[in-house]
Amino acid sequence: MTSDAANIIALYERHAHTWDEVRSRSLFEKEWLDRFLASIAAGGSILDIGCGSGEPIAGFFVRAGYRVHGVDSSQAMIARCKARFPQSDWRVADMRTLALGQTFDGILAWDSFFHLTQDDQRRMFTIFSAHAAPGAALMFTSGTENGVAMGTFGGEPLYHASLAPEEYRALLDAQGFEVVTYVENDPTAGGHTIWLARSKQV
């Protein structure tokens, strides 16, 4: 399983074109994106961790007038982001070692963070906190229970992992975030399990 987790970066690099083609542009996430933006001032800064090819989520933020900073471990994905939205800041980076030296009004890890091992997920909360401005919104997707789940993409194993909800809550609290909303298997968002939190720093 660990080798499958380690293969995620290479898998998305190999299949970037296919992923971009099949990624839904329907914005089924819009209700949640609107909730996320509701606590961010107009024109605020957003860090999109695991931004993929930039569509549809980062593009939604850009078109709404927000300052988007996207990071992804795939060079091919970031190349697409730069071509589509040259006015935004796009970087090839591994989220597990992210250290941008700046803070953001919103941090998003939609369908990205859950590809990490459980230990790497635990360490990510320090990284979230280090990049969160006072009162920043944090939104990410996860599984519903502790464990590992395997899918496939491009005919290859695709690793996912999750912690138990109570551990996510404890990690958020320890890093100065309060949970605003948590919904499991939301039918209005393609069955995603979604966390929306806010930094308690002022």
C-alpha atoms as a PDB file:
ATOM      1  CA  MET A   1       0.000   0.000   0.000  1.00  0.00           C
ATOM      2  CA  THR A   2       2.826   2.409   0.829  1.00  0.00           C
ATOM      3  CA  SER A   3       4.302   1.916  -2.643  1.00  0.00           C
ATOM      4  CA  ASP A   4       0.905   2.760  -4.155  1.00  0.00           C
ATOM      5  CA  ALA A   5       0.844   5.988  -2.130  1.00  0.00           C
ATOM      6  CA  ALA A   6       4.375   6.854  -3.259  1.00  0.00           C
ATOM      7  CA  ASN A   7       3.323   6.337  -6.889  1.00  0.00           C
ATOM      8  CA  ILE A   8       0.613   9.026  -6.847  1.00  0.00           C
ATOM      9  CA  ILE A   9       2.809  11.838  -8.184  1.00  0.00           C
ATOM     10  CA  ALA A  10       4.119   9.758 -11.085  1.00  0.00           C
ATOM     11  CA  LEU A  11       0.640   8.412 -11.843  1.00  0.00           C
ATOM     12  CA  TYR A  12      -0.871  11.885 -12.263  1.00  0.00           C
ATOM     13  CA  GLU A  13       2.124  13.000 -14.319  1.00  0.00           C
ATOM     14  CA  ARG A  14       1.671  10.060 -16.692  1.00  0.00           C
ATOM     15  CA  HIS A  15      -2.073  10.533 -17.004  1.00  0.00           C
ATOM     16  CA  ALA A  16      -2.381  14.335 -16.812  1.00  0.00           C
ATOM     17  CA  HIS A  17      -3.933  14.623 -20.283  1.00  0.00           C
ATOM     18  CA  THR A  18      -6.524  11.922 -19.586  1.00  0.00           C
ATOM     19  CA  TRP A  19      -7.358  13.352 -16.171  1.00  0.00           C
ATOM     20  CA  ASP A  20      -7.880  16.806 -17.659  1.00  0.00           C
ATOM     21  CA  GLU A  21     -10.168  15.383 -20.330  1.00  0.00           C
ATOM     22  CA  VAL A  22     -12.376  13.381 -17.965  1.00  0.00           C
ATOM     23  CA  ARG A  23     -12.509  15.858 -15.055  1.00  0.00           C
ATOM     24  CA  SER A  24     -16.094  17.080 -14.799  1.00  0.00           C
ATOM     25  CA  ARG A  25     -16.590  20.781 -15.549  1.00  0.00           C
ATOM     26  CA  SER A  26     -20.152  20.750 -14.197  1.00  0.00           C
ATOM     27  CA  LEU A  27     -19.110  22.475 -10.957  1.00  0.00           C
ATOM     28  CA  PHE A  28     -21.116  20.094  -8.801  1.00  0.00           C
ATOM     29  CA  GLU A  29     -18.914  21.514  -6.022  1.00  0.00           C
ATOM     30  CA  LYS A  30     -20.299  25.045  -6.431  1.00  0.00           C
ATOM     31  CA  GLU A  31     -22.454  25.071  -3.292  1.00  0.00           C
ATOM     32  CA  TRP A  32     -19.380  24.226  -1.217  1.00  0.00           C
ATOM     33  CA  LEU A  33     -17.146  26.644  -3.091  1.00  0.00           C
ATOM     34  CA  ASP A  34     -19.668  29.389  -2.361  1.00  0.00           C
ATOM     35  CA  ARG A  35     -19.615  28.473   1.346  1.00  0.00           C
ATOM     36  CA  PHE A  36     -15.826  28.589   1.287  1.00  0.00           C
ATOM     37  CA  LEU A  37     -15.793  32.008  -0.386  1.00  0.00           C
ATOM     38  CA  ALA A  38     -18.434  33.409   1.967  1.00  0.00           C
ATOM     39  CA  SER A  39     -15.812  33.968   4.660  1.00  0.00           C
ATOM     40  CA  ILE A  40     -13.131  35.337   2.320  1.00  0.00           C
ATOM     41  CA  ALA A  41     -13.103  39.019   1.391  1.00  0.00           C
ATOM     42  CA  ALA A  42     -13.590  39.908  -2.257  1.00  0.00           C
ATOM     43  CA  GLY A  43     -10.277  39.684  -4.061  1.00  0.00           C
ATOM     44  CA  GLY A  44      -8.720  37.655  -1.248  1.00  0.00           C
ATOM     45  CA  SER A  45      -5.929  35.138  -1.662  1.00  0.00           C
ATOM     46  CA  ILE A  46      -6.584  31.407  -2.066  1.00  0.00           C
ATOM     47  CA  LEU A  47      -4.068  28.571  -1.885  1.00  0.00           C
ATOM     48  CA  ASP A  48      -5.299  25.609  -3.936  1.00  0.00           C
ATOM     49  CA  ILE A  49      -3.288  22.563  -2.827  1.00  0.00           C
ATOM     50  CA  GLY A  50      -3.398  19.848  -5.467  1.00  0.00           C
ATOM     51  CA  CYS A  51      -4.925  22.181  -8.033  1.00  0.00           C
ATOM     52  CA  GLY A  52      -4.668  19.729 -10.922  1.00  0.00           C
ATOM     53  CA  SER A  53      -5.092  21.368 -14.313  1.00  0.00           C
ATOM     54  CA  GLY A  54      -6.939  24.382 -12.898  1.00  0.00           C
ATOM     55  CA  GLU A  55     -10.424  23.502 -14.122  1.00  0.00           C
ATOM     56  CA  PRO A  56     -13.022  23.769 -12.887  1.00  0.00           C
ATOM     57  CA  ILE A  57     -12.252  24.888  -9.317  1.00  0.00           C
ATOM     58  CA  ALA A  58      -9.270  27.226  -9.605  1.00  0.00           C
ATOM     59  CA  GLY A  59     -10.835  28.709 -12.715  1.00  0.00           C
ATOM     60  CA  PHE A  60     -14.023  29.402 -10.764  1.00  0.00           C
ATOM     61  CA  PHE A  61     -12.009  31.358  -8.190  1.00  0.00           C
ATOM     62  CA  VAL A  62     -10.041  33.262 -10.833  1.00  0.00           C
ATOM     63  CA  ARG A  63     -13.188  34.277 -12.695  1.00  0.00           C
ATOM     64  CA  ALA A  64     -14.731  35.430  -9.408  1.00  0.00           C
ATOM     65  CA  GLY A  65     -11.842  37.848  -8.909  1.00  0.00           C
ATOM     66  CA  TYR A  66      -9.809  36.035  -6.250  1.00  0.00           C
ATOM     67  CA  ARG A  67      -6.016  35.842  -6.221  1.00  0.00           C
ATOM     68  CA  VAL A  68      -5.260  32.174  -6.791  1.00  0.00           C
ATOM     69  CA  HIS A  69      -2.002  30.455  -5.891  1.00  0.00           C
ATOM     70  CA  GLY A  70      -2.044  26.847  -7.063  1.00  0.00           C
ATOM     71  CA  VAL A  71       0.367  24.053  -6.253  1.00  0.00           C
ATOM     72  CA  ASP A  72       0.496  20.558  -7.677  1.00  0.00           C
ATOM     73  CA  SER A  73       3.163  17.880  -7.805  1.00  0.00           C
ATOM     74  CA  SER A  74       2.585  17.275 -11.524  1.00  0.00           C
ATOM     75  CA  GLN A  75       4.536  19.469 -13.923  1.00  0.00           C
ATOM     76  CA  ALA A  76       2.103  18.571 -16.708  1.00  0.00           C
ATOM     77  CA  MET A  77      -0.866  19.751 -14.633  1.00  0.00           C
ATOM     78  CA  ILE A  78       0.826  23.023 -13.701  1.00  0.00           C
ATOM     79  CA  ALA A  79       1.711  23.642 -17.352  1.00  0.00           C
ATOM     80  CA  ARG A  80      -2.005  23.520 -18.158  1.00  0.00           C
ATOM     81  CA  CYS A  81      -2.780  25.936 -15.308  1.00  0.00           C
ATOM     82  CA  LYS A  82      -0.198  28.427 -16.556  1.00  0.00           C
ATOM     83  CA  ALA A  83      -1.573  28.250 -20.089  1.00  0.00           C
ATOM     84  CA  ARG A  84      -5.154  28.783 -18.935  1.00  0.00           C
ATOM     85  CA  PHE A  85      -4.637  31.388 -16.220  1.00  0.00           C
ATOM     86  CA  PRO A  86      -1.285  33.141 -16.727  1.00  0.00           C
ATOM     87  CA  GLN A  87      -2.302  35.915 -14.332  1.00  0.00           C
ATOM     88  CA  SER A  88      -2.237  33.528 -11.374  1.00  0.00           C
ATOM     89  CA  ASP A  89       0.662  31.987  -9.451  1.00  0.00           C
ATOM     90  CA  TRP A  90       1.268  28.300 -10.230  1.00  0.00           C
ATOM     91  CA  ARG A  91       4.015  26.163  -8.737  1.00  0.00           C
ATOM     92  CA  VAL A  92       5.168  22.567  -8.962  1.00  0.00           C
ATOM     93  CA  ALA A  93       5.453  21.457  -5.338  1.00  0.00           C
ATOM     94  CA  ASP A  94       4.887  18.475  -3.073  1.00  0.00           C
ATOM     95  CA  MET A  95       2.252  19.421  -0.517  1.00  0.00           C
ATOM     96  CA  ARG A  96       4.011  17.339   2.129  1.00  0.00           C
ATOM     97  CA  THR A  97       6.946  19.749   2.191  1.00  0.00           C
ATOM     98  CA  LEU A  98       5.122  22.950   1.253  1.00  0.00           C
ATOM     99  CA  ALA A  99       6.725  26.064   2.731  1.00  0.00           C
ATOM    100  CA  LEU A 100       5.749  29.130   0.718  1.00  0.00           C
ATOM    101  CA  GLY A 101       6.607  31.662   3.402  1.00  0.00           C
ATOM    102  CA  GLN A 102       3.276  33.451   3.072  1.00  0.00           C
ATOM    103  CA  THR A 103      -0.260  33.122   4.356  1.00  0.00           C
ATOM    104  CA  PHE A 104      -3.596  32.995   2.558  1.00  0.00           C
ATOM    105  CA  ASP A 105      -7.212  33.945   3.228  1.00  0.00           C
ATOM    106  CA  GLY A 106      -8.418  30.546   2.051  1.00  0.00           C
ATOM    107  CA  ILE A 107      -6.802  27.117   1.733  1.00  0.00           C
ATOM    108  CA  LEU A 108      -8.366  24.347  -0.339  1.00  0.00           C
ATOM    109  CA  ALA A 109      -7.357  20.688  -0.692  1.00  0.00           C
ATOM    110  CA  TRP A 110     -10.192  19.210  -2.748  1.00  0.00           C
ATOM    111  CA  ASP A 111      -9.676  15.590  -3.844  1.00  0.00           C
ATOM    112  CA  SER A 112      -5.928  15.860  -3.234  1.00  0.00           C
ATOM    113  CA  PHE A 113      -5.041  15.562   0.446  1.00  0.00           C
ATOM    114  CA  PHE A 114      -6.777  12.178   0.653  1.00  0.00           C
ATOM    115  CA  HIS A 115      -4.114  10.619  -1.596  1.00  0.00           C
ATOM    116  CA  LEU A 116      -1.568  10.958   1.230  1.00  0.00           C
ATOM    117  CA  THR A 117      -0.765   8.247   3.746  1.00  0.00           C
ATOM    118  CA  GLN A 118      -2.332   8.647   7.154  1.00  0.00           C
ATOM    119  CA  ASP A 119       0.930   9.839   8.718  1.00  0.00           C
ATOM    120  CA  ASP A 120       1.440  12.379   5.939  1.00  0.00           C
ATOM    121  CA  GLN A 121      -2.123  13.600   6.435  1.00  0.00           C
ATOM    122  CA  ARG A 122      -1.447  14.142  10.129  1.00  0.00           C
ATOM    123  CA  ARG A 123       1.607  16.240   9.299  1.00  0.00           C
ATOM    124  CA  MET A 124      -0.359  18.328   6.789  1.00  0.00           C
ATOM    125  CA  PHE A 125      -2.269  20.151   9.504  1.00  0.00           C
ATOM    126  CA  THR A 126       0.902  21.949  10.578  1.00  0.00           C
ATOM    127  CA  ILE A 127       1.376  22.977   6.942  1.00  0.00           C
ATOM    128  CA  PHE A 128      -2.225  24.186   6.700  1.00  0.00           C
ATOM    129  CA  SER A 129      -1.720  26.275   9.842  1.00  0.00           C
ATOM    130  CA  ALA A 130       1.573  27.745   8.623  1.00  0.00           C
ATOM    131  CA  HIS A 131      -0.137  29.034   5.468  1.00  0.00           C
ATOM    132  CA  ALA A 132      -3.355  30.292   7.097  1.00  0.00           C
ATOM    133  CA  ALA A 133      -3.904  34.002   7.610  1.00  0.00           C
ATOM    134  CA  PRO A 134      -5.904  35.026  10.708  1.00  0.00           C
ATOM    135  CA  GLY A 135      -9.496  33.874  10.195  1.00  0.00           C
ATOM    136  CA  ALA A 136      -8.613  31.900   7.062  1.00  0.00           C
ATOM    137  CA  ALA A 137     -11.043  29.351   5.649  1.00  0.00           C
ATOM    138  CA  LEU A 138      -9.792  25.775   5.193  1.00  0.00           C
ATOM    139  CA  MET A 139     -11.722  23.221   3.161  1.00  0.00           C
ATOM    140  CA  PHE A 140     -10.716  19.664   2.295  1.00  0.00           C
ATOM    141  CA  THR A 141     -12.260  16.336   1.352  1.00  0.00           C
ATOM    142  CA  SER A 142     -11.669  13.056   3.166  1.00  0.00           C
ATOM    143  CA  GLY A 143     -13.071   9.597   3.684  1.00  0.00           C
ATOM    144  CA  THR A 144     -15.687   8.833   6.306  1.00  0.00           C
ATOM    145  CA  GLU A 145     -13.671   6.480   8.506  1.00  0.00           C
ATOM    146  CA  ASN A 146     -10.165   5.392   9.397  1.00  0.00           C
ATOM    147  CA  GLY A 147      -8.594   3.242   6.692  1.00  0.00           C
ATOM    148  CA  VAL A 148      -7.192   2.866   3.194  1.00  0.00           C
ATOM    149  CA  ALA A 149      -9.190   2.492  -0.024  1.00  0.00           C
ATOM    150  CA  MET A 150      -7.850   1.627  -3.458  1.00  0.00           C
ATOM    151  CA  GLY A 151      -9.312   2.804  -6.719  1.00  0.00           C
ATOM    152  CA  THR A 152      -7.945   2.798 -10.247  1.00  0.00           C
ATOM    153  CA  PHE A 153      -7.095   5.452 -12.806  1.00  0.00           C
ATOM    154  CA  GLY A 154      -5.593   4.848 -16.201  1.00  0.00           C
ATOM    155  CA  GLY A 155      -5.505   1.157 -15.394  1.00  0.00           C
ATOM    156  CA  GLU A 156      -3.248   1.744 -12.387  1.00  0.00           C
ATOM    157  CA  PRO A 157      -3.913   1.473  -8.635  1.00  0.00           C
ATOM    158  CA  LEU A 158      -5.002   4.796  -7.099  1.00  0.00           C
ATOM    159  CA  TYR A 159      -4.378   5.155  -3.372  1.00  0.00           C
ATOM    160  CA  HIS A 160      -6.691   6.928  -0.921  1.00  0.00           C
ATOM    161  CA  ALA A 161      -6.554   7.066   2.867  1.00  0.00           C
ATOM    162  CA  SER A 162      -8.558   8.651   5.636  1.00  0.00           C
ATOM    163  CA  LEU A 163      -8.381   9.218   9.350  1.00  0.00           C
ATOM    164  CA  ALA A 164     -11.382   8.888  11.633  1.00  0.00           C
ATOM    165  CA  PRO A 165     -13.538  12.032  11.860  1.00  0.00           C
ATOM    166  CA  GLU A 166     -12.687  12.482  15.535  1.00  0.00           C
ATOM    167  CA  GLU A 167      -8.971  12.526  14.691  1.00  0.00           C
ATOM    168  CA  TYR A 168      -9.466  15.154  11.998  1.00  0.00           C
ATOM    169  CA  ARG A 169     -11.342  17.260  14.549  1.00  0.00           C
ATOM    170  CA  ALA A 170      -8.529  16.881  17.070  1.00  0.00           C
ATOM    171  CA  LEU A 171      -5.873  17.788  14.494  1.00  0.00           C
ATOM    172  CA  LEU A 172      -7.813  20.851  13.392  1.00  0.00           C
ATOM    173  CA  ASP A 173      -8.258  21.995  16.975  1.00  0.00           C
ATOM    174  CA  ALA A 174      -4.585  21.438  17.798  1.00  0.00           C
ATOM    175  CA  GLN A 175      -3.585  23.688  14.893  1.00  0.00           C
ATOM    176  CA  GLY A 176      -6.008  26.465  15.768  1.00  0.00           C
ATOM    177  CA  PHE A 177      -8.930  25.678  13.466  1.00  0.00           C
ATOM    178  CA  GLU A 178     -12.591  25.334  14.379  1.00  0.00           C
ATOM    179  CA  VAL A 179     -14.950  23.176  12.329  1.00  0.00           C
ATOM    180  CA  VAL A 180     -17.643  25.224  10.613  1.00  0.00           C
ATOM    181  CA  THR A 181     -19.332  22.414   8.676  1.00  0.00           C
ATOM    182  CA  TYR A 182     -18.724  18.702   8.167  1.00  0.00           C
ATOM    183  CA  VAL A 183     -20.889  16.597   5.847  1.00  0.00           C
ATOM    184  CA  GLU A 184     -20.395  12.932   5.005  1.00  0.00           C
ATOM    185  CA  ASN A 185     -21.185  11.614   1.526  1.00  0.00           C
ATOM    186  CA  ASP A 186     -22.965  14.800   0.480  1.00  0.00           C
ATOM    187  CA  PRO A 187     -25.364  13.814  -2.339  1.00  0.00           C
ATOM    188  CA  THR A 188     -25.336  17.386  -3.664  1.00  0.00           C
ATOM    189  CA  ALA A 189     -21.556  17.226  -4.149  1.00  0.00           C
ATOM    190  CA  GLY A 190     -21.065  13.906  -5.865  1.00  0.00           C
ATOM    191  CA  GLY A 191     -21.007  11.982  -2.604  1.00  0.00           C
ATOM    192  CA  HIS A 192     -17.953  13.797  -1.274  1.00  0.00           C
ATOM    193  CA  THR A 193     -17.193  14.022   2.426  1.00  0.00           C
ATOM    194  CA  ILE A 194     -16.263  17.626   3.106  1.00  0.00           C
ATOM    195  CA  TRP A 195     -14.722  19.625   5.937  1.00  0.00           C
ATOM    196  CA  LEU A 196     -14.987  23.405   6.154  1.00  0.00           C
ATOM    197  CA  ALA A 197     -13.019  24.984   8.986  1.00  0.00           C
ATOM    198  CA  ARG A 198     -11.813  28.428   9.979  1.00  0.00           C
ATOM    199  CA  SER A 199      -8.636  29.594  11.644  1.00  0.00           C
ATOM    200  CA  LYS A 200      -9.280  30.816  15.178  1.00  0.00           C
ATOM    201  CA  GLN A 201      -6.324  33.201  14.985  1.00  0.00           C
ATOM    202  CA  VAL A 202      -7.249  36.875  15.055  1.00  0.00           C
END
